[in-house]
Amino acid sequence: MSKSVSILTGVKYAYLTAIFALLSSILYPFVQGGSLDYSIYGIIVLFVGLAGGIMIYKASTSDKKRGIYLGIGLGLVAVSLLFVLELTGRPLF
């Protein structure tokens, strides 16, 4: 039974990955004839934020490594925010 739970968890993350890729409008440059660069940067930002969110979730469900997961998760969310600010050209301070 444990193996099926681990497969379902992997499928859940695959669906989340596909949804984030589609939501970041990967098809928009092909339709409009624009550059693919910003779509790739957007996907990277979303994946870093998603990884941070997953780590924060794991911190809430873990008993032993709660601090490590929380630190990594918040760090990844902060890096994602810095990427967004860099892409928009807005200064941090």
C-alpha atoms as a PDB file:
ATOM      1  CA  MET A   1       0.000   0.000   0.000  1.00  0.00           C
ATOM      2  CA  SER A   2       2.913   2.328   0.662  1.00  0.00           C
ATOM      3  CA  LYS A   3       4.099   2.083  -2.937  1.00  0.00           C
ATOM      4  CA  SER A   4       0.760   3.263  -4.332  1.00  0.00           C
ATOM      5  CA  VAL A   5       0.760   6.268  -2.003  1.00  0.00           C
ATOM      6  CA  SER A   6       4.231   7.232  -3.222  1.00  0.00           C
ATOM      7  CA  ILE A   7       3.105   6.928  -6.856  1.00  0.00           C
ATOM      8  CA  LEU A   8       0.069   9.128  -6.179  1.00  0.00           C
ATOM      9  CA  THR A   9       2.304  11.750  -4.569  1.00  0.00           C
ATOM     10  CA  GLY A  10       4.542  11.790  -7.649  1.00  0.00           C
ATOM     11  CA  VAL A  11       1.521  12.129  -9.929  1.00  0.00           C
ATOM     12  CA  LYS A  12       0.243  15.035  -7.826  1.00  0.00           C
ATOM     13  CA  TYR A  13       3.524  16.899  -8.309  1.00  0.00           C
ATOM     14  CA  ALA A  14       3.499  16.131 -12.039  1.00  0.00           C
ATOM     15  CA  TYR A  15       0.037  17.678 -12.351  1.00  0.00           C
ATOM     16  CA  LEU A  16       1.161  20.746 -10.435  1.00  0.00           C
ATOM     17  CA  THR A  17       4.167  21.085 -12.729  1.00  0.00           C
ATOM     18  CA  ALA A  18       2.021  20.847 -15.849  1.00  0.00           C
ATOM     19  CA  ILE A  19      -0.485  23.366 -14.525  1.00  0.00           C
ATOM     20  CA  PHE A  20       2.236  25.872 -13.675  1.00  0.00           C
ATOM     21  CA  ALA A  21       3.834  25.449 -17.092  1.00  0.00           C
ATOM     22  CA  LEU A  22       0.544  26.071 -18.835  1.00  0.00           C
ATOM     23  CA  LEU A  23      -0.384  28.977 -16.583  1.00  0.00           C
ATOM     24  CA  SER A  24       2.897  30.694 -17.312  1.00  0.00           C
ATOM     25  CA  SER A  25       1.709  30.966 -20.918  1.00  0.00           C
ATOM     26  CA  ILE A  26       4.312  28.857 -22.634  1.00  0.00           C
ATOM     27  CA  LEU A  27       2.211  28.887 -25.788  1.00  0.00           C
ATOM     28  CA  TYR A  28       1.801  32.680 -25.941  1.00  0.00           C
ATOM     29  CA  PRO A  29       5.045  33.415 -27.869  1.00  0.00           C
ATOM     30  CA  PHE A  30       4.154  30.809 -30.482  1.00  0.00           C
ATOM     31  CA  VAL A  31       0.754  32.372 -31.082  1.00  0.00           C
ATOM     32  CA  GLN A  32       1.908  35.999 -31.072  1.00  0.00           C
ATOM     33  CA  GLY A  33       5.310  35.438 -32.677  1.00  0.00           C
ATOM     34  CA  GLY A  34       7.193  36.928 -29.729  1.00  0.00           C
ATOM     35  CA  SER A  35      10.273  35.876 -27.827  1.00  0.00           C
ATOM     36  CA  LEU A  36      10.319  32.669 -25.815  1.00  0.00           C
ATOM     37  CA  ASP A  37      12.809  34.079 -23.269  1.00  0.00           C
ATOM     38  CA  TYR A  38      10.312  35.657 -20.881  1.00  0.00           C
ATOM     39  CA  SER A  39       8.163  32.540 -20.865  1.00  0.00           C
ATOM     40  CA  ILE A  40      11.152  30.421 -19.871  1.00  0.00           C
ATOM     41  CA  TYR A  41      12.094  32.927 -17.148  1.00  0.00           C
ATOM     42  CA  GLY A  42       8.500  32.878 -15.918  1.00  0.00           C
ATOM     43  CA  ILE A  43       8.481  29.099 -15.721  1.00  0.00           C
ATOM     44  CA  ILE A  44      11.733  29.143 -13.730  1.00  0.00           C
ATOM     45  CA  VAL A  45      10.272  31.682 -11.290  1.00  0.00           C
ATOM     46  CA  LEU A  46       7.124  29.598 -10.857  1.00  0.00           C
ATOM     47  CA  PHE A  47       9.077  26.392 -10.310  1.00  0.00           C
ATOM     48  CA  VAL A  48      11.282  28.017  -7.663  1.00  0.00           C
ATOM     49  CA  GLY A  49       8.181  29.373  -5.922  1.00  0.00           C
ATOM     50  CA  LEU A  50       6.470  25.987  -6.205  1.00  0.00           C
ATOM     51  CA  ALA A  51       9.495  24.252  -4.680  1.00  0.00           C
ATOM     52  CA  GLY A  52       9.422  26.765  -1.837  1.00  0.00           C
ATOM     53  CA  GLY A  53       5.729  26.132  -1.275  1.00  0.00           C
ATOM     54  CA  ILE A  54       6.285  22.383  -1.231  1.00  0.00           C
ATOM     55  CA  MET A  55       9.071  22.787   1.335  1.00  0.00           C
ATOM     56  CA  ILE A  56       6.836  24.951   3.538  1.00  0.00           C
ATOM     57  CA  TYR A  57       4.111  22.298   3.271  1.00  0.00           C
ATOM     58  CA  LYS A  58       6.613  19.601   4.217  1.00  0.00           C
ATOM     59  CA  ALA A  59       7.617  21.719   7.221  1.00  0.00           C
ATOM     60  CA  SER A  60       4.029  21.638   8.437  1.00  0.00           C
ATOM     61  CA  THR A  61       3.809  17.853   8.116  1.00  0.00           C
ATOM     62  CA  SER A  62       7.291  16.891   9.321  1.00  0.00           C
ATOM     63  CA  ASP A  63       8.211  16.338  12.939  1.00  0.00           C
ATOM     64  CA  LYS A  64      11.979  16.005  12.815  1.00  0.00           C
ATOM     65  CA  LYS A  65      13.215  18.432  10.149  1.00  0.00           C
ATOM     66  CA  ARG A  66      10.629  21.191  10.498  1.00  0.00           C
ATOM     67  CA  GLY A  67      13.158  24.019  10.834  1.00  0.00           C
ATOM     68  CA  ILE A  68      15.234  22.896   7.874  1.00  0.00           C
ATOM     69  CA  TYR A  69      12.216  22.581   5.576  1.00  0.00           C
ATOM     70  CA  LEU A  70      10.830  25.929   6.711  1.00  0.00           C
ATOM     71  CA  GLY A  71      14.139  27.701   6.174  1.00  0.00           C
ATOM     72  CA  ILE A  72      14.637  26.227   2.724  1.00  0.00           C
ATOM     73  CA  GLY A  73      11.023  26.939   1.765  1.00  0.00           C
ATOM     74  CA  LEU A  74      11.102  30.568   2.852  1.00  0.00           C
ATOM     75  CA  GLY A  75      14.480  30.996   1.171  1.00  0.00           C
ATOM     76  CA  LEU A  76      13.154  29.659  -2.128  1.00  0.00           C
ATOM     77  CA  VAL A  77      10.080  31.895  -1.944  1.00  0.00           C
ATOM     78  CA  ALA A  78      12.377  34.880  -1.315  1.00  0.00           C
ATOM     79  CA  VAL A  79      14.548  33.917  -4.291  1.00  0.00           C
ATOM     80  CA  SER A  80      11.410  33.675  -6.419  1.00  0.00           C
ATOM     81  CA  LEU A  81      10.405  37.178  -5.310  1.00  0.00           C
ATOM     82  CA  LEU A  82      13.864  38.473  -6.206  1.00  0.00           C
ATOM     83  CA  PHE A  83      13.563  36.880  -9.657  1.00  0.00           C
ATOM     84  CA  VAL A  84      10.217  38.593 -10.192  1.00  0.00           C
ATOM     85  CA  LEU A  85      11.631  41.955  -9.145  1.00  0.00           C
ATOM     86  CA  GLU A  86      14.594  41.434 -11.465  1.00  0.00           C
ATOM     87  CA  LEU A  87      12.355  40.574 -14.401  1.00  0.00           C
ATOM     88  CA  THR A  88      10.147  43.626 -13.873  1.00  0.00           C
ATOM     89  CA  GLY A  89      13.126  45.950 -13.478  1.00  0.00           C
ATOM     90  CA  ARG A  90      12.022  47.264 -10.098  1.00  0.00           C
ATOM     91  CA  PRO A  91      14.675  47.848  -7.439  1.00  0.00           C
ATOM     92  CA  LEU A  92      14.496  45.915  -4.195  1.00  0.00           C
ATOM     93  CA  PHE A  93      15.068  48.948  -1.976  1.00  0.00           C
END
